N, C-alpha and C. Protein backbone atom coordinates (compact mmCIF):
# COMPACT_ATOMS: atom_id res chain seq x y z
N MET A 1 3.56 131.17 185.71
CA MET A 1 4.43 132.21 185.22
C MET A 1 5.01 132.96 186.41
N PRO A 2 6.30 132.91 186.63
CA PRO A 2 6.90 133.68 187.72
C PRO A 2 6.82 135.19 187.43
N VAL A 3 6.71 135.95 188.50
CA VAL A 3 6.73 137.41 188.38
C VAL A 3 7.90 137.96 189.19
N ARG A 4 8.42 139.06 188.74
CA ARG A 4 9.48 139.74 189.49
C ARG A 4 8.83 140.88 190.28
N VAL A 5 9.17 140.97 191.54
CA VAL A 5 8.72 142.05 192.40
C VAL A 5 9.95 142.85 192.82
N ARG A 6 9.86 144.16 192.65
CA ARG A 6 10.91 145.07 193.11
C ARG A 6 10.23 146.24 193.80
N TYR A 7 10.68 146.53 195.00
CA TYR A 7 10.21 147.75 195.65
C TYR A 7 11.35 148.37 196.45
N LYS A 8 11.24 149.69 196.59
CA LYS A 8 12.26 150.46 197.30
C LYS A 8 11.58 151.27 198.40
N ILE A 9 12.26 151.36 199.51
CA ILE A 9 11.78 152.18 200.62
C ILE A 9 12.91 153.10 201.03
N THR A 10 12.64 154.38 201.06
CA THR A 10 13.59 155.36 201.57
C THR A 10 12.87 156.13 202.66
N VAL A 11 13.48 156.19 203.82
CA VAL A 11 12.83 156.87 204.95
C VAL A 11 13.86 157.65 205.74
N SER A 12 13.45 158.83 206.17
CA SER A 12 14.30 159.60 207.08
C SER A 12 13.41 160.31 208.08
N VAL A 13 13.96 160.53 209.25
CA VAL A 13 13.27 161.26 210.32
C VAL A 13 14.23 162.34 210.81
N SER A 14 13.74 163.57 210.81
CA SER A 14 14.58 164.71 211.20
C SER A 14 13.95 165.47 212.35
N SER A 15 14.77 166.11 213.14
CA SER A 15 14.27 166.86 214.28
C SER A 15 13.75 168.24 213.90
N THR A 16 14.04 168.68 212.65
CA THR A 16 13.53 169.97 212.17
C THR A 16 13.13 169.84 210.71
N SER A 17 12.49 170.86 210.18
CA SER A 17 12.10 170.85 208.77
C SER A 17 13.29 171.06 207.83
N ALA A 18 14.48 171.29 208.36
CA ALA A 18 15.69 171.40 207.54
C ALA A 18 16.16 170.03 207.06
N GLU A 19 15.54 168.97 207.56
CA GLU A 19 15.80 167.59 207.15
C GLU A 19 17.26 167.17 207.33
N GLU A 20 17.75 167.28 208.55
CA GLU A 20 19.09 166.81 208.86
C GLU A 20 19.19 165.29 208.85
N LYS A 21 18.04 164.60 208.93
CA LYS A 21 17.99 163.14 209.00
C LYS A 21 18.72 162.63 210.24
N ASP A 22 18.71 163.44 211.29
CA ASP A 22 19.46 163.13 212.50
C ASP A 22 18.79 162.09 213.40
N LEU A 23 17.53 161.79 213.17
CA LEU A 23 16.83 160.83 214.01
C LEU A 23 16.64 159.47 213.34
N GLY A 24 17.05 159.38 212.09
CA GLY A 24 16.96 158.10 211.39
C GLY A 24 17.02 158.30 209.89
N ASN A 25 17.67 157.35 209.22
CA ASN A 25 17.85 157.46 207.77
C ASN A 25 18.15 156.06 207.24
N ALA A 26 17.35 155.58 206.30
CA ALA A 26 17.59 154.24 205.75
C ALA A 26 17.01 154.14 204.34
N ALA A 27 17.56 153.22 203.58
CA ALA A 27 17.06 152.91 202.25
C ALA A 27 17.14 151.40 202.06
N PHE A 28 16.07 150.82 201.54
CA PHE A 28 16.00 149.38 201.31
C PHE A 28 15.52 149.13 199.90
N GLU A 29 16.03 148.12 199.25
CA GLU A 29 15.53 147.69 197.95
C GLU A 29 15.41 146.17 197.98
N ILE A 30 14.23 145.69 197.63
CA ILE A 30 13.94 144.27 197.65
C ILE A 30 13.62 143.83 196.22
N ILE A 31 14.20 142.70 195.81
CA ILE A 31 13.92 142.09 194.51
C ILE A 31 13.66 140.62 194.75
N SER A 32 12.57 140.11 194.17
CA SER A 32 12.24 138.70 194.31
C SER A 32 11.68 138.16 193.01
N ASP A 33 12.16 136.98 192.63
CA ASP A 33 11.64 136.26 191.47
C ASP A 33 10.94 134.97 191.93
N ASP A 34 10.53 134.92 193.19
CA ASP A 34 10.03 133.69 193.79
C ASP A 34 8.51 133.56 193.81
N LEU A 35 7.79 134.51 193.25
CA LEU A 35 6.33 134.49 193.34
C LEU A 35 5.71 134.17 191.99
N GLY A 36 4.53 133.55 192.01
CA GLY A 36 3.93 133.07 190.78
C GLY A 36 2.90 133.98 190.14
N GLU A 37 2.29 134.87 190.89
CA GLU A 37 1.25 135.76 190.38
C GLU A 37 1.46 137.15 190.95
N GLY A 38 0.93 138.16 190.25
CA GLY A 38 1.02 139.51 190.78
C GLY A 38 0.34 140.52 189.90
N GLY A 39 0.15 141.70 190.44
CA GLY A 39 -0.45 142.77 189.67
C GLY A 39 -0.91 143.89 190.57
N SER A 40 -1.55 144.89 189.95
CA SER A 40 -2.08 146.02 190.71
C SER A 40 -3.46 146.37 190.18
N ARG A 41 -4.27 146.88 191.09
CA ARG A 41 -5.63 147.28 190.74
C ARG A 41 -6.01 148.50 191.55
N LYS A 42 -6.66 149.46 190.89
CA LYS A 42 -7.16 150.65 191.56
C LYS A 42 -8.68 150.58 191.55
N THR A 43 -9.27 150.87 192.70
CA THR A 43 -10.73 150.86 192.79
C THR A 43 -11.18 152.02 193.65
N THR A 44 -12.42 152.41 193.49
CA THR A 44 -13.02 153.44 194.32
C THR A 44 -13.86 152.77 195.40
N VAL A 45 -13.60 153.14 196.64
CA VAL A 45 -14.43 152.69 197.75
C VAL A 45 -15.29 153.90 198.14
N ALA A 46 -16.56 153.81 197.82
CA ALA A 46 -17.48 154.93 198.03
C ALA A 46 -17.59 155.29 199.50
N ALA A 47 -17.97 156.53 199.73
CA ALA A 47 -18.19 157.01 201.10
C ALA A 47 -19.18 156.11 201.81
N SER A 48 -18.96 155.89 203.09
CA SER A 48 -19.85 155.11 203.96
C SER A 48 -20.04 153.67 203.48
N THR A 49 -19.00 153.07 202.92
CA THR A 49 -19.06 151.68 202.46
C THR A 49 -18.35 150.77 203.46
N THR A 50 -18.98 149.65 203.76
CA THR A 50 -18.43 148.69 204.72
C THR A 50 -18.08 147.39 204.02
N ASP A 51 -16.91 146.85 204.33
CA ASP A 51 -16.46 145.53 203.88
C ASP A 51 -16.52 145.35 202.35
N PHE A 52 -15.97 146.34 201.66
CA PHE A 52 -15.89 146.28 200.20
C PHE A 52 -14.76 145.33 199.81
N PRO A 53 -15.03 144.28 199.00
CA PRO A 53 -13.96 143.35 198.62
C PRO A 53 -12.98 143.99 197.64
N LEU A 54 -11.70 143.97 197.98
CA LEU A 54 -10.66 144.50 197.10
C LEU A 54 -10.15 143.37 196.22
N ASP A 55 -9.95 143.65 194.95
CA ASP A 55 -9.51 142.65 193.98
C ASP A 55 -8.00 142.43 194.11
N ILE A 56 -7.59 141.20 194.40
CA ILE A 56 -6.16 140.87 194.42
C ILE A 56 -5.81 139.90 193.28
N GLY A 57 -6.67 139.83 192.28
CA GLY A 57 -6.39 139.02 191.10
C GLY A 57 -6.50 137.54 191.39
N ASN A 58 -5.70 136.76 190.71
CA ASN A 58 -5.72 135.30 190.82
C ASN A 58 -4.78 134.79 191.91
N ILE A 59 -4.50 135.61 192.90
CA ILE A 59 -3.55 135.24 193.94
C ILE A 59 -4.28 134.48 195.05
N ALA A 60 -3.87 133.25 195.28
CA ALA A 60 -4.48 132.43 196.34
C ALA A 60 -3.82 132.67 197.68
N ASP A 61 -2.55 133.07 197.68
CA ASP A 61 -1.78 133.29 198.91
C ASP A 61 -0.90 134.52 198.69
N ALA A 62 -1.39 135.70 199.10
CA ALA A 62 -0.63 136.93 198.90
C ALA A 62 0.53 136.99 199.88
N LYS A 63 1.71 137.30 199.35
CA LYS A 63 2.91 137.38 200.17
C LYS A 63 3.51 138.78 200.19
N MET A 64 3.08 139.62 199.28
CA MET A 64 3.50 141.02 199.24
C MET A 64 2.25 141.84 198.93
N ILE A 65 1.96 142.80 199.82
CA ILE A 65 0.81 143.68 199.63
C ILE A 65 1.27 145.10 199.91
N ILE A 66 1.02 145.96 198.94
CA ILE A 66 1.28 147.39 199.12
C ILE A 66 -0.01 148.11 198.75
N ILE A 67 -0.48 148.97 199.64
CA ILE A 67 -1.74 149.68 199.40
C ILE A 67 -1.50 151.17 199.54
N ARG A 68 -2.06 151.91 198.58
CA ARG A 68 -2.05 153.38 198.61
C ARG A 68 -3.49 153.84 198.66
N THR A 69 -3.80 154.76 199.57
CA THR A 69 -5.15 155.33 199.65
C THR A 69 -5.07 156.83 199.44
N ASN A 70 -6.06 157.37 198.77
CA ASN A 70 -6.16 158.81 198.55
C ASN A 70 -7.61 159.15 198.19
N ALA A 71 -7.97 160.41 198.39
CA ALA A 71 -9.31 160.85 198.02
C ALA A 71 -9.45 160.81 196.51
N LYS A 72 -10.61 160.35 196.02
CA LYS A 72 -10.85 160.32 194.57
C LYS A 72 -10.79 161.73 194.00
N ASP A 73 -11.33 162.70 194.72
CA ASP A 73 -11.25 164.11 194.35
C ASP A 73 -10.03 164.71 195.04
N PRO A 74 -9.00 165.10 194.29
CA PRO A 74 -7.75 165.57 194.92
C PRO A 74 -7.91 166.84 195.74
N THR A 75 -9.03 167.54 195.63
CA THR A 75 -9.24 168.72 196.46
C THR A 75 -9.78 168.36 197.85
N GLU A 76 -10.17 167.12 198.03
CA GLU A 76 -10.69 166.66 199.32
C GLU A 76 -9.56 166.14 200.20
N ASP A 77 -9.79 166.14 201.50
CA ASP A 77 -8.86 165.50 202.42
C ASP A 77 -8.93 163.99 202.25
N THR A 78 -7.86 163.31 202.62
CA THR A 78 -7.83 161.85 202.60
C THR A 78 -8.15 161.35 204.01
N TYR A 79 -8.99 160.33 204.08
CA TYR A 79 -9.43 159.79 205.37
C TYR A 79 -8.96 158.35 205.52
N ALA A 80 -9.10 157.85 206.72
CA ALA A 80 -8.68 156.49 207.04
C ALA A 80 -9.53 155.46 206.29
N ILE A 81 -8.87 154.37 205.93
CA ILE A 81 -9.54 153.18 205.39
C ILE A 81 -9.22 152.05 206.36
N ASP A 82 -10.25 151.33 206.78
CA ASP A 82 -10.05 150.14 207.61
C ASP A 82 -9.96 148.93 206.71
N LEU A 83 -8.95 148.11 206.94
CA LEU A 83 -8.68 146.94 206.11
C LEU A 83 -8.82 145.68 206.95
N LYS A 84 -9.47 144.66 206.39
CA LYS A 84 -9.57 143.36 207.03
C LYS A 84 -9.00 142.31 206.08
N LYS A 85 -8.28 141.34 206.65
CA LYS A 85 -7.69 140.26 205.86
C LYS A 85 -8.52 138.99 206.02
N ASN A 86 -8.70 138.28 204.91
CA ASN A 86 -9.23 136.92 204.84
C ASN A 86 -10.70 136.77 205.18
N GLY A 87 -11.38 137.81 205.60
CA GLY A 87 -12.81 137.72 205.88
C GLY A 87 -13.30 139.00 206.51
N THR A 88 -14.60 139.22 206.46
CA THR A 88 -15.17 140.45 207.00
C THR A 88 -15.13 140.47 208.53
N GLY A 89 -14.84 139.34 209.14
CA GLY A 89 -14.70 139.29 210.59
C GLY A 89 -13.25 139.38 211.05
N GLY A 90 -12.34 139.62 210.11
CA GLY A 90 -10.92 139.66 210.43
C GLY A 90 -10.52 140.89 211.24
N GLU A 91 -9.32 140.84 211.78
CA GLU A 91 -8.76 141.95 212.54
C GLU A 91 -8.66 143.19 211.66
N ILE A 92 -8.97 144.35 212.22
CA ILE A 92 -8.94 145.61 211.47
C ILE A 92 -7.55 146.23 211.56
N THR A 93 -7.02 146.60 210.39
CA THR A 93 -5.81 147.41 210.29
C THR A 93 -6.21 148.72 209.64
N THR A 94 -5.91 149.83 210.27
CA THR A 94 -6.30 151.13 209.73
C THR A 94 -5.16 151.73 208.94
N ILE A 95 -5.48 152.16 207.72
CA ILE A 95 -4.53 152.88 206.87
C ILE A 95 -4.88 154.35 207.00
N GLN A 96 -4.03 155.10 207.67
CA GLN A 96 -4.29 156.49 208.02
C GLN A 96 -3.23 157.37 207.36
N PRO A 97 -3.63 158.46 206.67
CA PRO A 97 -2.62 159.38 206.16
C PRO A 97 -1.77 159.93 207.29
N LEU A 98 -0.51 160.16 207.01
CA LEU A 98 0.42 160.69 208.00
C LEU A 98 0.25 162.21 208.07
N GLY A 99 -0.15 162.71 209.24
CA GLY A 99 -0.33 164.15 209.41
C GLY A 99 -1.33 164.70 208.42
N THR A 100 -0.93 165.74 207.70
CA THR A 100 -1.82 166.38 206.73
C THR A 100 -1.56 165.90 205.30
N SER A 101 -0.82 164.80 205.16
CA SER A 101 -0.53 164.31 203.81
C SER A 101 -1.81 163.87 203.11
N LYS A 102 -1.76 163.75 201.82
CA LYS A 102 -2.93 163.41 201.01
C LYS A 102 -2.99 161.94 200.65
N GLU A 103 -2.13 161.09 201.25
CA GLU A 103 -2.12 159.66 200.94
C GLU A 103 -1.89 158.86 202.21
N GLY A 104 -2.45 157.66 202.22
CA GLY A 104 -2.13 156.68 203.25
C GLY A 104 -1.45 155.50 202.59
N HIS A 105 -0.59 154.78 203.33
CA HIS A 105 0.16 153.66 202.76
C HIS A 105 0.23 152.50 203.74
N LEU A 106 0.28 151.30 203.18
CA LEU A 106 0.51 150.09 203.96
C LEU A 106 1.37 149.16 203.12
N LEU A 107 2.42 148.61 203.71
CA LEU A 107 3.26 147.63 203.04
C LEU A 107 3.38 146.43 203.97
N MET A 108 3.12 145.24 203.41
CA MET A 108 3.27 144.01 204.18
C MET A 108 4.01 142.98 203.35
N SER A 109 5.03 142.38 203.91
CA SER A 109 5.55 141.13 203.38
C SER A 109 5.03 140.09 204.37
N THR A 110 4.24 139.15 203.88
CA THR A 110 3.42 138.32 204.74
C THR A 110 3.19 136.97 204.06
N THR A 111 2.25 136.24 204.56
CA THR A 111 1.81 135.01 203.92
C THR A 111 0.40 134.70 204.40
N GLY A 112 -0.32 133.94 203.61
CA GLY A 112 -1.64 133.49 204.03
C GLY A 112 -2.77 134.48 203.82
N VAL A 113 -2.56 135.55 203.09
CA VAL A 113 -3.65 136.49 202.83
C VAL A 113 -4.39 136.01 201.59
N THR A 114 -5.67 135.74 201.76
CA THR A 114 -6.49 135.21 200.67
C THR A 114 -7.52 136.20 200.17
N ALA A 115 -7.81 137.24 200.95
CA ALA A 115 -8.80 138.24 200.56
C ALA A 115 -8.58 139.50 201.39
N LEU A 116 -9.01 140.64 200.84
CA LEU A 116 -8.92 141.92 201.53
C LEU A 116 -10.27 142.63 201.43
N TYR A 117 -10.68 143.28 202.53
CA TYR A 117 -11.93 144.02 202.57
C TYR A 117 -11.67 145.41 203.12
N ALA A 118 -12.25 146.44 202.48
CA ALA A 118 -12.02 147.82 202.87
C ALA A 118 -13.31 148.46 203.37
N THR A 119 -13.18 149.24 204.43
CA THR A 119 -14.30 150.03 204.95
C THR A 119 -13.90 151.49 204.92
N ASN A 120 -14.78 152.30 204.31
CA ASN A 120 -14.58 153.75 204.22
C ASN A 120 -15.71 154.41 205.01
N SER A 121 -15.44 154.81 206.23
CA SER A 121 -16.46 155.41 207.09
C SER A 121 -16.63 156.90 206.85
N SER A 122 -15.82 157.47 205.98
CA SER A 122 -15.86 158.92 205.75
C SER A 122 -16.99 159.29 204.80
N SER A 123 -17.12 160.60 204.56
CA SER A 123 -18.12 161.11 203.62
C SER A 123 -17.50 161.43 202.26
N VAL A 124 -16.28 160.92 202.03
CA VAL A 124 -15.53 161.19 200.81
C VAL A 124 -15.22 159.87 200.10
N ASP A 125 -15.47 159.80 198.79
CA ASP A 125 -15.07 158.62 198.02
C ASP A 125 -13.56 158.52 198.02
N MET A 126 -13.05 157.32 198.26
CA MET A 126 -11.61 157.10 198.36
C MET A 126 -11.14 156.14 197.27
N GLU A 127 -9.97 156.41 196.72
CA GLU A 127 -9.32 155.47 195.81
C GLU A 127 -8.39 154.57 196.62
N VAL A 128 -8.42 153.29 196.33
CA VAL A 128 -7.55 152.33 196.97
C VAL A 128 -6.82 151.58 195.87
N THR A 129 -5.51 151.68 195.86
CA THR A 129 -4.69 150.98 194.87
C THR A 129 -3.96 149.85 195.61
N VAL A 130 -4.15 148.63 195.11
CA VAL A 130 -3.56 147.45 195.73
C VAL A 130 -2.54 146.84 194.77
N PHE A 131 -1.32 146.71 195.24
CA PHE A 131 -0.28 145.95 194.55
C PHE A 131 -0.13 144.66 195.35
N ALA A 132 -0.28 143.52 194.67
CA ALA A 132 -0.19 142.25 195.39
C ALA A 132 0.58 141.25 194.55
N ALA A 133 1.31 140.37 195.23
CA ALA A 133 2.02 139.28 194.57
C ALA A 133 2.05 138.09 195.52
N GLY A 134 2.03 136.92 194.95
CA GLY A 134 2.04 135.69 195.74
C GLY A 134 1.91 134.49 194.85
N ASP A 135 1.28 133.47 195.36
CA ASP A 135 1.09 132.23 194.59
C ASP A 135 -0.38 131.89 194.46
């Protein structure tokens, strides 16, 4: 069963809080009907958890991965989540909230991702939402 994937990215960088967008401004929209499986799943990665397997559904080869991280308790700060691809010995990619924001994000258009593992070294339970599509 083919799935349709659509995502939009809007980004601007300004030299002041007046948001002149003088340092950069772009908008992208991607639509694809070329992938066979997809979905999203939200899970809690408990505090001090290492190499927690994230569910990517029935996808054998993930080609689009979008991850959102946030504290399970919205009154808590959001902390970094370390992500490994394809095995617990894989290279670490850190998903870090930007400044004092309450969310971290990662977007990859890629190929060959068969599994994802999350490490939460903080003392706060974190929610990790994974959107994935592939074959």
